[in-house]
Amino acid sequence: MKLSIPTINNAIKKLGGDAELVKGEGYFYFTSPKVMWDTHSVYVCKINHLDLQDWMEEYKLFEELGKAAELRYNSITPLNYTIKDSK
């Protein structure tokens, strides 16, 4: 089967995801409105270098990495600073 970005993005949506595959210069990457601080790059020149099942595995890895990053981000305790008036 000849793959396209819309085919892969539709397969992601069928899995209930809101991520999308985007083409860069010599690679592809996943992005999502939920995962703003991480993307997952896949270094293949042509989309057909992977089959649909491999792309879905890469998508699942992206989701796992995003969840791990969110856990790290949410576990950071904000520092409390007191700003003193310099007058």
N, C-alpha and C. Protein backbone atom coordinates (compact mmCIF):
# COMPACT_ATOMS: atom_id res chain seq x y z
N MET A 1 0.85 -1.17 0.00
CA MET A 1 0.00 0.00 0.00
C MET A 1 0.89 1.24 0.00
N LYS A 2 0.60 2.17 -0.88
CA LYS A 2 1.34 3.42 -0.93
C LYS A 2 0.79 4.34 0.16
N LEU A 3 1.66 4.79 1.04
CA LEU A 3 1.23 5.61 2.18
C LEU A 3 1.30 7.09 1.85
N SER A 4 0.51 7.85 2.59
CA SER A 4 0.55 9.30 2.52
C SER A 4 0.38 9.85 3.94
N ILE A 5 0.73 11.08 4.12
CA ILE A 5 0.55 11.70 5.44
C ILE A 5 -0.92 11.67 5.86
N PRO A 6 -1.87 12.03 4.98
CA PRO A 6 -3.28 11.94 5.39
C PRO A 6 -3.71 10.52 5.79
N THR A 7 -3.19 9.50 5.12
CA THR A 7 -3.53 8.12 5.48
C THR A 7 -3.08 7.81 6.91
N ILE A 8 -1.85 8.22 7.23
CA ILE A 8 -1.32 7.97 8.58
C ILE A 8 -2.08 8.80 9.61
N ASN A 9 -2.35 10.06 9.30
CA ASN A 9 -3.09 10.91 10.25
C ASN A 9 -4.51 10.39 10.48
N ASN A 10 -5.13 9.84 9.45
CA ASN A 10 -6.46 9.24 9.63
C ASN A 10 -6.38 8.00 10.51
N ALA A 11 -5.33 7.21 10.36
CA ALA A 11 -5.15 6.03 11.20
C ALA A 11 -4.95 6.44 12.66
N ILE A 12 -4.24 7.53 12.89
CA ILE A 12 -4.05 8.05 14.25
C ILE A 12 -5.39 8.46 14.84
N LYS A 13 -6.21 9.14 14.05
CA LYS A 13 -7.53 9.55 14.53
C LYS A 13 -8.41 8.35 14.86
N LYS A 14 -8.29 7.28 14.08
CA LYS A 14 -9.07 6.07 14.36
C LYS A 14 -8.67 5.44 15.69
N LEU A 15 -7.43 5.69 16.11
CA LEU A 15 -6.97 5.21 17.42
C LEU A 15 -7.39 6.15 18.54
N GLY A 16 -8.05 7.25 18.19
CA GLY A 16 -8.49 8.22 19.19
C GLY A 16 -7.47 9.29 19.49
N GLY A 17 -6.41 9.38 18.69
CA GLY A 17 -5.37 10.37 18.92
C GLY A 17 -5.66 11.70 18.26
N ASP A 18 -5.01 12.73 18.77
CA ASP A 18 -5.15 14.06 18.15
C ASP A 18 -3.83 14.55 17.59
N ALA A 19 -2.84 13.66 17.52
CA ALA A 19 -1.54 14.02 16.96
C ALA A 19 -1.61 13.98 15.44
N GLU A 20 -0.60 14.58 14.83
CA GLU A 20 -0.50 14.48 13.39
C GLU A 20 0.95 14.33 12.97
N LEU A 21 1.13 13.66 11.86
CA LEU A 21 2.45 13.48 11.27
C LEU A 21 2.70 14.65 10.34
N VAL A 22 3.92 15.22 10.43
CA VAL A 22 4.30 16.37 9.62
C VAL A 22 5.63 16.06 8.95
N LYS A 23 5.84 16.55 7.74
CA LYS A 23 7.10 16.31 7.03
C LYS A 23 8.07 17.45 7.28
N GLY A 24 9.29 17.08 7.66
CA GLY A 24 10.38 18.03 7.78
C GLY A 24 11.33 17.83 6.60
N GLU A 25 12.53 18.42 6.68
CA GLU A 25 13.55 18.25 5.64
C GLU A 25 14.30 16.94 5.88
N GLY A 26 13.94 15.87 5.19
CA GLY A 26 14.62 14.59 5.33
C GLY A 26 14.16 13.76 6.51
N TYR A 27 13.06 14.14 7.13
CA TYR A 27 12.52 13.38 8.26
C TYR A 27 11.06 13.73 8.42
N PHE A 28 10.38 13.00 9.27
CA PHE A 28 8.98 13.26 9.62
C PHE A 28 8.91 13.40 11.13
N TYR A 29 7.90 14.09 11.62
CA TYR A 29 7.74 14.19 13.07
C TYR A 29 6.27 14.27 13.43
N PHE A 30 5.99 13.84 14.66
CA PHE A 30 4.64 13.91 15.21
C PHE A 30 4.54 15.15 16.08
N THR A 31 3.38 15.75 16.05
CA THR A 31 3.09 16.87 16.93
C THR A 31 1.65 16.77 17.39
N SER A 32 1.36 17.42 18.51
CA SER A 32 0.02 17.34 19.08
C SER A 32 -0.23 18.58 19.92
N PRO A 33 -1.47 19.07 19.95
CA PRO A 33 -1.76 20.21 20.83
C PRO A 33 -1.61 19.86 22.31
N LYS A 34 -1.71 18.57 22.66
CA LYS A 34 -1.56 18.15 24.06
C LYS A 34 -0.10 18.08 24.47
N VAL A 35 0.78 17.85 23.52
CA VAL A 35 2.20 17.65 23.82
C VAL A 35 2.98 18.80 23.21
N MET A 36 3.02 19.92 23.94
CA MET A 36 3.63 21.12 23.38
C MET A 36 5.15 21.17 23.56
N TRP A 37 5.69 20.42 24.49
CA TRP A 37 7.12 20.54 24.77
C TRP A 37 7.93 19.42 24.17
N ASP A 38 7.30 18.50 23.52
CA ASP A 38 8.02 17.38 22.92
C ASP A 38 7.45 17.06 21.55
N THR A 39 8.31 16.69 20.66
CA THR A 39 7.89 16.07 19.41
C THR A 39 8.69 14.79 19.28
N HIS A 40 8.31 13.96 18.37
CA HIS A 40 9.02 12.71 18.15
C HIS A 40 9.38 12.66 16.67
N SER A 41 10.66 12.68 16.37
CA SER A 41 11.13 12.66 14.99
C SER A 41 11.38 11.23 14.54
N VAL A 42 11.10 11.00 13.27
CA VAL A 42 11.35 9.71 12.64
C VAL A 42 12.23 10.00 11.42
N TYR A 43 13.46 9.52 11.47
CA TYR A 43 14.43 9.87 10.44
C TYR A 43 14.40 8.90 9.27
N VAL A 44 13.42 9.08 8.42
CA VAL A 44 13.34 8.39 7.14
C VAL A 44 13.10 9.46 6.08
N CYS A 45 13.69 9.26 4.91
CA CYS A 45 13.53 10.25 3.84
C CYS A 45 12.18 10.17 3.15
N LYS A 46 11.66 8.96 3.04
CA LYS A 46 10.38 8.77 2.34
C LYS A 46 9.40 8.08 3.26
N ILE A 47 8.17 8.48 3.16
CA ILE A 47 7.13 7.96 4.04
C ILE A 47 6.97 6.45 3.88
N ASN A 48 7.24 5.93 2.69
CA ASN A 48 7.08 4.50 2.44
C ASN A 48 8.28 3.67 2.91
N HIS A 49 9.24 4.29 3.57
CA HIS A 49 10.32 3.51 4.16
C HIS A 49 9.82 2.72 5.38
N LEU A 50 8.68 3.10 5.91
CA LEU A 50 8.00 2.36 6.98
C LEU A 50 6.62 1.99 6.48
N ASP A 51 6.08 0.87 6.98
CA ASP A 51 4.71 0.54 6.63
C ASP A 51 3.77 1.16 7.68
N LEU A 52 2.47 1.02 7.46
CA LEU A 52 1.49 1.66 8.33
C LEU A 52 1.63 1.17 9.78
N GLN A 53 1.88 -0.11 9.96
CA GLN A 53 2.03 -0.66 11.31
C GLN A 53 3.24 -0.02 12.00
N ASP A 54 4.34 0.15 11.29
CA ASP A 54 5.53 0.79 11.88
C ASP A 54 5.23 2.25 12.25
N TRP A 55 4.49 2.95 11.39
CA TRP A 55 4.13 4.34 11.71
C TRP A 55 3.25 4.40 12.96
N MET A 56 2.35 3.45 13.11
CA MET A 56 1.50 3.43 14.30
C MET A 56 2.32 3.14 15.55
N GLU A 57 3.35 2.31 15.43
CA GLU A 57 4.24 2.06 16.56
C GLU A 57 5.01 3.33 16.92
N GLU A 58 5.45 4.08 15.92
CA GLU A 58 6.13 5.35 16.17
C GLU A 58 5.18 6.35 16.83
N TYR A 59 3.92 6.35 16.39
CA TYR A 59 2.92 7.23 17.01
C TYR A 59 2.73 6.86 18.49
N LYS A 60 2.61 5.57 18.77
CA LYS A 60 2.43 5.13 20.16
C LYS A 60 3.63 5.53 21.02
N LEU A 61 4.82 5.44 20.47
CA LEU A 61 6.02 5.88 21.19
C LEU A 61 5.94 7.38 21.47
N PHE A 62 5.49 8.16 20.49
CA PHE A 62 5.30 9.60 20.68
C PHE A 62 4.34 9.88 21.83
N GLU A 63 3.23 9.15 21.88
CA GLU A 63 2.26 9.33 22.95
C GLU A 63 2.88 8.99 24.31
N GLU A 64 3.62 7.90 24.38
CA GLU A 64 4.27 7.50 25.64
C GLU A 64 5.28 8.55 26.09
N LEU A 65 6.08 9.05 25.15
CA LEU A 65 7.07 10.08 25.50
C LEU A 65 6.38 11.35 25.97
N GLY A 66 5.26 11.70 25.34
CA GLY A 66 4.51 12.88 25.76
C GLY A 66 3.94 12.74 27.15
N LYS A 67 3.43 11.56 27.47
CA LYS A 67 2.89 11.32 28.82
C LYS A 67 4.01 11.38 29.86
N ALA A 68 5.17 10.82 29.53
CA ALA A 68 6.30 10.87 30.46
C ALA A 68 6.77 12.31 30.68
N ALA A 69 6.80 13.10 29.62
CA ALA A 69 7.21 14.50 29.75
C ALA A 69 6.20 15.27 30.59
N GLU A 70 4.93 14.98 30.41
CA GLU A 70 3.89 15.65 31.20
C GLU A 70 4.03 15.31 32.68
N LEU A 71 4.31 14.04 32.98
CA LEU A 71 4.51 13.64 34.38
C LEU A 71 5.71 14.38 34.99
N ARG A 72 6.80 14.47 34.23
CA ARG A 72 7.98 15.20 34.73
C ARG A 72 7.63 16.66 34.96
N TYR A 73 6.93 17.27 34.01
CA TYR A 73 6.57 18.68 34.11
C TYR A 73 5.66 18.92 35.31
N ASN A 74 4.68 18.05 35.52
CA ASN A 74 3.73 18.23 36.61
C ASN A 74 4.34 17.93 37.97
N SER A 75 5.47 17.23 38.00
CA SER A 75 6.09 16.90 39.29
C SER A 75 7.04 17.99 39.78
N ILE A 76 7.28 18.99 38.95
CA ILE A 76 8.18 20.08 39.34
C ILE A 76 7.45 20.97 40.34
N THR A 77 8.07 21.20 41.47
CA THR A 77 7.50 22.07 42.48
C THR A 77 7.93 23.50 42.19
N PRO A 78 6.98 24.41 42.02
CA PRO A 78 7.36 25.80 41.75
C PRO A 78 8.09 26.39 42.96
N LEU A 79 9.07 27.21 42.66
CA LEU A 79 9.80 27.89 43.73
C LEU A 79 9.02 29.11 44.17
N ASN A 80 9.05 29.39 45.45
CA ASN A 80 8.37 30.57 45.97
C ASN A 80 9.41 31.67 46.20
N TYR A 81 9.26 32.73 45.47
CA TYR A 81 10.14 33.87 45.61
C TYR A 81 9.38 35.03 46.22
N THR A 82 10.05 35.74 47.09
CA THR A 82 9.47 36.96 47.64
C THR A 82 10.27 38.12 47.06
N ILE A 83 9.57 39.00 46.41
CA ILE A 83 10.23 40.17 45.83
C ILE A 83 10.12 41.30 46.85
N LYS A 84 11.27 41.78 47.28
CA LYS A 84 11.28 42.86 48.26
C LYS A 84 11.27 44.18 47.55
N ASP A 85 10.56 45.10 48.14
CA ASP A 85 10.49 46.45 47.60
C ASP A 85 11.86 47.10 47.80
N SER A 86 12.45 47.60 46.74
CA SER A 86 13.79 48.18 46.82
C SER A 86 13.78 49.64 47.22
N LYS A 87 12.64 50.21 47.52
CA LYS A 87 12.56 51.64 47.89
C LYS A 87 12.96 51.87 49.32
